Amino acid sequence: MKKLLILTASTGQGHNQAADSLVETFSQFGYEVIKYDFLYNNSKLLNNVIVVGYELFATKAPNLYGTFYKATNIKSMNNIIKVSFWNTSRKLLKFIEENKPDLIIGTHPFTINVVSMLKKSQLTKLPFISIVTDFKAHYTYVSKYVDAYVTGSEYTKNDLISRGINSDLIFPYGIPIRSEFYVKNDEYTEVKDSDYFNILLMSGSMGLTNIYYVLKELVNNKHKLRITVVCGKNTNLKNKLLSSYSSPIEGKKIHILGYTNDISAIMDYSDIVISKPGGLTVTESIVKNLPLVIPFAIPGQETENTEFLTNEGCAIYVNDLKDLNASLDNLIEDPQSLQALKKNLYRLSSKFSLESIVSLANDILKK
């Protein structure tokens, strides 16, 4: 039995979700799979600085986070950052020697720093696949010690090529998401109330409070709306919304949820999703051919994701919340514009395949 080591970290939940998808898929194909948080298990200090720091800056000081993201998106800064992972790489080497995997896959960009240090020092020769979990690759991803990249689009592939990565090493198979998203439940379409336009409003795993103001705008829309709000792990936000919308509103059906594993089913019931553009949420929407309306984005990778999606004709970006209802009205009153978005989403999703990632791993192991 082939053994796979998946390295992840908990800056947001997207990297862990991608790792979970790979655990599910590779296990089905007969691999023994180990999922390992390389930061949490090897450096509590780095974990706190990176994970807690990310959540703090992304939620409380997003512009400062965006500045840091931009400043580190160059070769010289990344060489400096790599030094901080030296001890982490040594501890990871011990874990590798104890568990003896045949292949390593990283779902977080910092795994490249750690694994590249080991391969450069010839402490390991294990093949290494990097999953790029956004649609434009930060310079952290760039390394000659990566044996293959899995990207979410041809756009991402071309971006890596422009940074000096060999095109033969880049495979646009889609960011890994749970296999259930690849299955469409048509029963939901059949039972939908056609009088209501169905919206999935998501805040991301951190439960960003911006959706409070988004919902405040939506309830003033002139059309009949069924709005399912997913608050992630932010119980304060959930309770605040439950309190604010405890009374019925004419022409609106509002369902407020916390963290849920039923996103796939809710997407099948929805006409659009309104959300920040995290890589995993975007990929789920692409696979479901569910158009996105983006009213806010964390500066950095999410603004880059927004640029990609709008250029591809797959999403609508609303720069000012006061314009949200006008954009929504256009989608409701002009079904052709909604269908155009769906057609572009289908074009993107046509190359996505979890099985292709397994085939890629098998081919690498045969070399």
Protein backbone atom coordinates (compact mmCIF):
# COMPACT_ATOMS: atom_id res chain seq x y z
CA MET A 1 0.00 0.00 0.00
CA LYS A 2 1.34 3.44 -1.00
CA LYS A 3 1.62 5.94 1.83
CA LEU A 4 0.82 9.63 1.39
CA LEU A 5 1.73 12.44 3.79
CA ILE A 6 -0.49 15.54 3.46
CA LEU A 7 0.92 18.67 5.08
CA THR A 8 -1.48 21.44 6.08
CA ALA A 9 -1.88 24.39 8.46
CA SER A 10 -4.85 26.23 9.95
CA THR A 11 -4.67 29.76 8.54
CA GLY A 12 -8.39 29.84 7.85
CA GLN A 13 -9.95 26.47 7.10
CA GLY A 14 -9.41 26.31 3.35
CA HIS A 15 -6.06 24.53 3.57
CA ASN A 16 -7.48 21.93 5.97
CA GLN A 17 -10.54 21.45 3.78
CA ALA A 18 -8.34 20.82 0.76
CA ALA A 19 -6.34 18.33 2.84
CA ASP A 20 -9.54 16.58 3.97
CA SER A 21 -10.65 16.26 0.37
CA LEU A 22 -7.34 14.62 -0.54
CA VAL A 23 -7.58 12.26 2.44
CA GLU A 24 -11.01 11.16 1.24
CA THR A 25 -10.00 10.77 -2.41
CA PHE A 26 -6.64 9.05 -1.99
CA SER A 27 -8.06 6.66 0.64
CA GLN A 28 -10.70 5.58 -1.88
CA PHE A 29 -7.87 4.73 -4.29
CA GLY A 30 -6.08 2.49 -1.81
CA TYR A 31 -3.54 4.88 -0.32
CA GLU A 32 -2.65 5.00 3.34
CA VAL A 33 -2.98 8.69 4.14
CA ILE A 34 -1.57 10.77 6.99
CA LYS A 35 -2.83 14.34 7.44
CA TYR A 36 -0.36 16.41 9.44
CA ASP A 37 -0.47 20.03 10.62
CA PHE A 38 3.20 20.84 10.21
CA LEU A 39 2.99 24.13 12.14
CA TYR A 40 0.88 23.10 15.12
CA ASN A 41 2.81 19.88 15.69
CA ASN A 42 6.32 21.28 15.25
CA SER A 43 6.36 24.88 16.40
CA LYS A 44 3.77 26.33 18.76
CA LEU A 45 5.46 29.73 18.42
CA LEU A 46 5.29 29.78 14.61
CA ASN A 47 1.77 28.38 14.71
CA ASN A 48 0.61 31.16 17.01
CA VAL A 49 2.38 33.87 15.04
CA ILE A 50 1.13 32.68 11.65
CA VAL A 51 -2.31 31.23 12.42
CA VAL A 52 -3.44 33.62 15.15
CA GLY A 53 -1.74 36.49 13.35
CA TYR A 54 -3.57 35.72 10.11
CA GLU A 55 -6.97 35.57 11.80
CA LEU A 56 -6.29 38.77 13.73
CA PHE A 57 -5.06 40.81 10.77
CA ALA A 58 -7.57 39.38 8.28
CA THR A 59 -10.52 40.25 10.51
CA LYS A 60 -9.32 43.35 12.38
CA ALA A 61 -6.75 44.97 10.10
CA PRO A 62 -7.27 43.60 6.56
CA ASN A 63 -5.48 46.47 4.83
CA LEU A 64 -2.38 45.85 6.94
CA TYR A 65 -2.58 42.16 6.02
CA GLY A 66 -2.83 43.12 2.35
CA THR A 67 0.28 45.28 2.67
CA PHE A 68 2.21 42.38 4.23
CA TYR A 69 0.97 40.01 1.52
CA LYS A 70 2.20 42.36 -1.19
CA ALA A 71 5.54 43.01 0.53
CA THR A 72 6.32 39.28 0.81
CA ASN A 73 5.33 38.53 -2.77
CA ILE A 74 8.92 38.88 -3.98
CA LYS A 75 11.92 36.53 -4.02
CA SER A 76 14.15 38.45 -1.59
CA MET A 77 11.53 38.65 1.17
CA ASN A 78 10.71 34.96 0.81
CA ASN A 79 14.35 34.03 1.25
CA ILE A 80 14.33 35.89 4.56
CA ILE A 81 11.08 34.22 5.71
CA LYS A 82 12.42 30.75 4.90
CA VAL A 83 15.01 31.03 7.69
CA SER A 84 12.25 30.99 10.33
CA PHE A 85 11.22 27.48 9.22
CA TRP A 86 14.64 25.86 9.74
CA ASN A 87 13.77 24.20 13.07
CA THR A 88 10.32 23.23 11.81
CA SER A 89 11.88 21.45 8.84
CA ARG A 90 14.19 19.44 11.11
CA LYS A 91 11.26 18.28 13.24
CA LEU A 92 9.28 17.41 10.13
CA LEU A 93 12.22 15.33 8.89
CA LYS A 94 12.01 13.24 12.05
CA PHE A 95 8.28 12.70 11.45
CA ILE A 96 8.98 11.69 7.85
CA GLU A 97 11.67 9.21 8.91
CA GLU A 98 9.31 7.67 11.47
CA ASN A 99 6.33 7.31 9.10
CA LYS A 100 8.16 6.63 5.80
CA PRO A 101 5.68 8.08 3.27
CA ASP A 102 6.16 7.52 -0.45
CA LEU A 103 4.90 10.97 -1.43
CA ILE A 104 4.22 14.38 0.16
CA ILE A 105 1.44 16.79 -0.80
CA GLY A 106 1.25 20.29 0.67
CA THR A 107 -2.00 22.26 0.84
CA HIS A 108 -0.40 25.34 2.42
CA PRO A 109 2.21 27.58 0.72
CA PHE A 110 4.56 27.45 3.72
CA THR A 111 4.92 23.68 3.24
CA ILE A 112 7.08 24.62 0.26
CA ASN A 113 9.54 26.45 2.52
CA VAL A 114 9.82 23.46 4.83
CA VAL A 115 10.00 20.66 2.26
CA SER A 116 12.29 22.63 -0.07
CA MET A 117 14.82 23.10 2.75
CA LEU A 118 14.91 19.34 3.29
CA LYS A 119 15.23 18.55 -0.40
CA LYS A 120 17.86 21.23 -1.00
CA SER A 121 19.95 19.76 1.83
CA GLN A 122 19.35 16.28 0.34
CA LEU A 123 17.80 15.15 3.62
CA THR A 124 14.89 13.71 1.67
CA LYS A 125 14.29 12.80 -1.97
CA LEU A 126 10.56 12.22 -1.61
CA PRO A 127 8.43 13.58 -4.48
CA PHE A 128 6.46 16.66 -3.49
CA ILE A 129 3.21 18.02 -4.96
CA SER A 130 2.02 21.51 -4.06
CA ILE A 131 -1.68 22.43 -4.12
CA VAL A 132 -2.11 26.12 -4.97
CA THR A 133 -5.23 27.06 -3.00
CA ASP A 134 -5.86 30.45 -4.63
CA PHE A 135 -6.07 31.60 -8.23
CA LYS A 136 -2.88 33.61 -8.32
CA ALA A 137 0.26 32.09 -6.87
CA HIS A 138 2.09 34.06 -4.19
CA TYR A 139 5.88 33.92 -4.58
CA THR A 140 5.99 31.53 -1.60
CA TYR A 141 4.86 28.81 -4.01
CA VAL A 142 7.87 29.23 -6.30
CA SER A 143 10.49 26.52 -5.80
CA LYS A 144 12.53 24.24 -8.04
CA TYR A 145 12.10 21.48 -5.43
CA VAL A 146 8.37 21.05 -6.17
CA ASP A 147 7.81 18.05 -8.45
CA ALA A 148 4.31 19.10 -9.53
CA TYR A 149 1.77 21.86 -8.95
CA VAL A 150 -2.01 21.41 -8.92
CA THR A 151 -3.78 24.68 -9.70
CA GLY A 152 -7.35 25.94 -9.88
CA SER A 153 -7.14 27.30 -13.43
CA GLU A 154 -5.06 27.88 -16.55
CA TYR A 155 -4.72 31.46 -15.31
CA THR A 156 -2.90 30.18 -12.22
CA LYS A 157 -0.75 27.94 -14.38
CA ASN A 158 0.28 30.86 -16.59
CA ASP A 159 1.06 32.94 -13.50
CA LEU A 160 3.44 30.24 -12.25
CA ILE A 161 5.03 29.97 -15.69
CA SER A 162 5.67 33.73 -15.62
CA ARG A 163 7.55 33.17 -12.34
CA GLY A 164 9.86 30.62 -13.93
CA ILE A 165 8.08 27.30 -13.25
CA ASN A 166 8.22 24.70 -16.05
CA SER A 167 4.77 24.39 -17.66
CA ASP A 168 5.14 20.58 -17.72
CA LEU A 169 5.02 20.58 -13.91
CA ILE A 170 1.70 22.45 -13.61
CA PHE A 171 -1.68 20.72 -13.76
CA PRO A 172 -4.93 22.78 -13.61
CA TYR A 173 -7.08 20.03 -12.07
CA GLY A 174 -8.86 22.33 -9.62
CA ILE A 175 -8.37 23.09 -5.94
CA PRO A 176 -9.40 19.92 -4.06
CA ILE A 177 -12.86 20.04 -2.50
CA ARG A 178 -15.05 17.31 -1.03
CA SER A 179 -16.32 14.87 -3.66
CA GLU A 180 -19.97 15.59 -2.74
CA PHE A 181 -19.70 18.96 -4.48
CA TYR A 182 -19.22 17.15 -7.78
CA VAL A 183 -22.68 15.58 -7.40
CA LYS A 184 -25.73 17.70 -8.26
CA ASN A 185 -28.96 16.85 -6.45
CA ASP A 186 -31.70 17.76 -8.93
CA GLU A 187 -34.40 17.05 -6.34
CA TYR A 188 -33.69 20.43 -4.76
CA THR A 189 -34.35 22.16 -8.08
CA GLU A 190 -37.69 20.41 -8.37
CA VAL A 191 -38.96 21.42 -4.92
CA LYS A 192 -37.76 25.05 -5.00
CA ASP A 193 -40.36 27.74 -4.58
CA SER A 194 -40.16 29.54 -7.92
CA ASP A 195 -41.63 32.72 -6.43
CA TYR A 196 -38.46 33.26 -4.40
CA PHE A 197 -34.91 33.91 -5.57
CA ASN A 198 -32.59 31.77 -3.46
CA ILE A 199 -29.41 33.26 -2.02
CA LEU A 200 -26.67 31.58 -0.03
CA LEU A 201 -24.91 34.22 2.07
CA MET A 202 -21.60 33.02 3.50
CA SER A 203 -19.10 34.63 5.86
CA GLY A 204 -16.22 32.16 5.59
CA SER A 205 -14.98 29.85 8.35
CA MET A 206 -13.96 32.81 10.52
CA GLY A 207 -17.46 34.25 10.34
CA LEU A 208 -16.59 37.75 9.14
CA THR A 209 -19.13 40.25 10.45
CA ASN A 210 -19.43 42.02 7.07
CA ILE A 211 -22.39 39.81 6.24
CA TYR A 212 -24.45 41.60 8.90
CA TYR A 213 -24.38 44.69 6.66
CA VAL A 214 -24.92 42.62 3.51
CA LEU A 215 -28.07 41.07 4.97
CA LYS A 216 -29.24 44.50 6.08
CA GLU A 217 -29.17 45.58 2.43
CA LEU A 218 -30.77 42.39 1.10
CA VAL A 219 -33.89 42.63 3.28
CA ASN A 220 -34.66 45.94 1.51
CA ASN A 221 -34.60 44.34 -1.93
CA LYS A 222 -37.89 44.63 -3.82
CA HIS A 223 -37.96 40.96 -4.89
CA LYS A 224 -38.98 37.89 -2.93
CA LEU A 225 -35.80 36.40 -1.50
CA ARG A 226 -35.03 33.22 0.39
CA ILE A 227 -31.72 33.89 2.15
CA THR A 228 -29.71 31.17 3.87
CA VAL A 229 -27.02 32.75 6.04
CA VAL A 230 -24.01 30.65 7.12
CA CYS A 231 -22.08 32.32 9.93
CA GLY A 232 -19.20 29.85 10.21
CA LYS A 233 -17.81 29.51 13.73
CA ASN A 234 -18.81 33.02 14.79
CA THR A 235 -21.54 32.28 17.35
CA ASN A 236 -21.77 35.95 18.32
CA LEU A 237 -22.63 36.85 14.74
CA LYS A 238 -25.18 34.06 14.53
CA ASN A 239 -26.88 35.14 17.77
CA LYS A 240 -26.88 38.79 16.67
CA LEU A 241 -28.57 37.88 13.38
CA LEU A 242 -31.09 35.60 15.08
CA SER A 243 -32.01 38.45 17.40
CA SER A 244 -32.19 41.07 14.63
CA TYR A 245 -34.32 38.91 12.32
CA SER A 246 -36.56 37.10 14.80
CA SER A 247 -39.70 38.72 13.36
CA PRO A 248 -41.10 37.88 9.90
CA ILE A 249 -40.26 40.21 7.00
CA GLU A 250 -42.70 40.37 4.13
CA GLY A 251 -41.31 38.82 0.97
CA LYS A 252 -38.25 37.43 2.72
CA LYS A 253 -37.46 33.98 4.11
CA ILE A 254 -34.34 34.11 6.25
CA HIS A 255 -32.59 31.01 7.59
CA ILE A 256 -29.58 31.62 9.85
CA LEU A 257 -27.08 28.81 10.43
CA GLY A 258 -23.77 28.46 12.23
CA TYR A 259 -21.04 26.15 10.99
CA THR A 260 -22.53 23.46 8.75
CA ASN A 261 -21.37 20.53 6.63
CA ASP A 262 -24.40 20.85 4.34
CA ILE A 263 -23.03 23.56 2.04
CA SER A 264 -23.20 21.27 -1.00
CA ALA A 265 -26.93 20.68 -0.53
CA ILE A 266 -27.60 24.35 0.19
CA MET A 267 -25.74 25.30 -2.99
CA ASP A 268 -27.90 22.93 -5.01
CA TYR A 269 -30.95 24.80 -3.71
CA SER A 270 -29.48 28.26 -4.35
CA ASP A 271 -29.51 30.55 -7.38
CA ILE A 272 -26.41 32.54 -6.36
CA VAL A 273 -23.89 32.70 -3.54
CA ILE A 274 -22.85 35.96 -1.91
CA SER A 275 -19.50 35.49 -0.19
CA LYS A 276 -15.94 36.59 0.25
CA PRO A 277 -13.84 34.83 -2.42
CA GLY A 278 -11.74 32.29 -0.52
CA GLY A 279 -10.15 29.68 -2.80
CA LEU A 280 -12.19 26.74 -1.51
CA THR A 281 -15.55 28.56 -1.50
CA VAL A 282 -14.86 29.79 -5.02
CA THR A 283 -13.99 26.28 -6.22
CA GLU A 284 -17.14 24.84 -4.67
CA SER A 285 -19.18 27.49 -6.47
CA ILE A 286 -17.37 26.84 -9.75
CA VAL A 287 -18.03 23.09 -9.55
CA LYS A 288 -21.70 23.77 -8.71
CA ASN A 289 -21.86 26.35 -11.55
CA LEU A 290 -23.29 28.73 -8.96
CA PRO A 291 -22.66 32.42 -9.79
CA LEU A 292 -20.89 34.52 -7.18
CA VAL A 293 -21.59 38.02 -5.99
CA ILE A 294 -18.60 39.37 -4.04
CA PRO A 295 -19.35 42.29 -1.69
CA PHE A 296 -16.10 42.14 0.27
CA ALA A 297 -12.67 40.52 0.04
CA ILE A 298 -9.63 40.34 2.31
CA PRO A 299 -6.82 42.31 0.60
CA GLY A 300 -4.20 39.98 -0.84
CA GLN A 301 -5.13 36.61 -2.28
CA GLU A 302 -8.88 37.30 -2.12
CA THR A 303 -8.65 40.52 -4.13
CA GLU A 304 -6.59 38.55 -6.66
CA ASN A 305 -9.26 35.84 -6.70
CA THR A 306 -11.88 38.53 -7.31
CA GLU A 307 -9.90 39.94 -10.23
CA PHE A 308 -9.62 36.46 -11.77
CA LEU A 309 -13.33 35.65 -11.35
CA THR A 310 -14.63 38.93 -12.73
CA ASN A 311 -12.23 38.79 -15.70
CA GLU A 312 -13.48 35.27 -16.45
CA GLY A 313 -17.11 36.42 -16.31
CA CYS A 314 -17.89 34.13 -13.38
CA ALA A 315 -18.66 36.65 -10.66
CA ILE A 316 -19.90 40.16 -9.95
CA TYR A 317 -17.91 42.39 -7.62
CA VAL A 318 -19.87 45.00 -5.67
CA ASN A 319 -17.50 47.73 -4.54
CA ASP A 320 -20.16 49.62 -2.58
CA LEU A 321 -22.89 47.82 -0.62
CA LYS A 322 -25.36 50.48 -1.74
CA ASP A 323 -25.06 48.97 -5.23
CA LEU A 324 -25.73 45.40 -4.09
CA ASN A 325 -29.47 45.38 -4.74
CA ALA A 326 -29.07 46.93 -8.19
CA SER A 327 -26.68 44.10 -9.16
CA LEU A 328 -29.03 41.54 -7.67
CA ASP A 329 -32.05 43.01 -9.47
CA ASN A 330 -30.24 42.69 -12.78
CA LEU A 331 -29.61 38.96 -12.20
CA ILE A 332 -33.22 38.34 -11.16
CA GLU A 333 -34.82 40.37 -13.94
CA ASP A 334 -32.43 39.26 -16.69
CA PRO A 335 -32.12 35.46 -16.54
CA GLN A 336 -29.77 35.54 -19.54
CA SER A 337 -27.13 37.41 -17.54
CA LEU A 338 -27.39 34.74 -14.85
CA GLN A 339 -27.05 32.00 -17.46
CA ALA A 340 -23.99 33.69 -18.94
CA LEU A 341 -22.28 33.51 -15.56
CA LYS A 342 -23.22 29.83 -15.23
CA LYS A 343 -21.88 29.06 -18.71
CA ASN A 344 -18.50 30.58 -17.82
CA LEU A 345 -18.43 28.66 -14.54
CA TYR A 346 -19.10 25.42 -16.41
CA ARG A 347 -16.20 26.19 -18.76
CA LEU A 348 -13.86 26.55 -15.79
CA SER A 349 -15.10 23.45 -13.98
CA SER A 350 -14.85 21.15 -17.00
CA LYS A 351 -11.17 20.40 -16.30
CA PHE A 352 -11.54 19.87 -12.55
CA SER A 353 -10.96 16.31 -11.37
CA LEU A 354 -10.01 14.78 -8.04
CA GLU A 355 -9.18 11.52 -9.79
CA SER A 356 -6.67 13.31 -12.02
CA ILE A 357 -4.73 14.39 -8.92
CA VAL A 358 -4.47 10.73 -7.90
CA SER A 359 -3.33 9.78 -11.41
CA LEU A 360 -0.70 12.52 -11.22
CA ALA A 361 0.59 11.10 -7.92
CA ASN A 362 0.68 7.60 -9.40
CA ASP A 363 2.68 8.80 -12.40
CA ILE A 364 5.19 10.60 -10.20
CA LEU A 365 5.69 7.49 -8.06
CA LYS A 366 6.39 5.41 -11.17
CA LYS A 367 9.34 7.61 -12.16
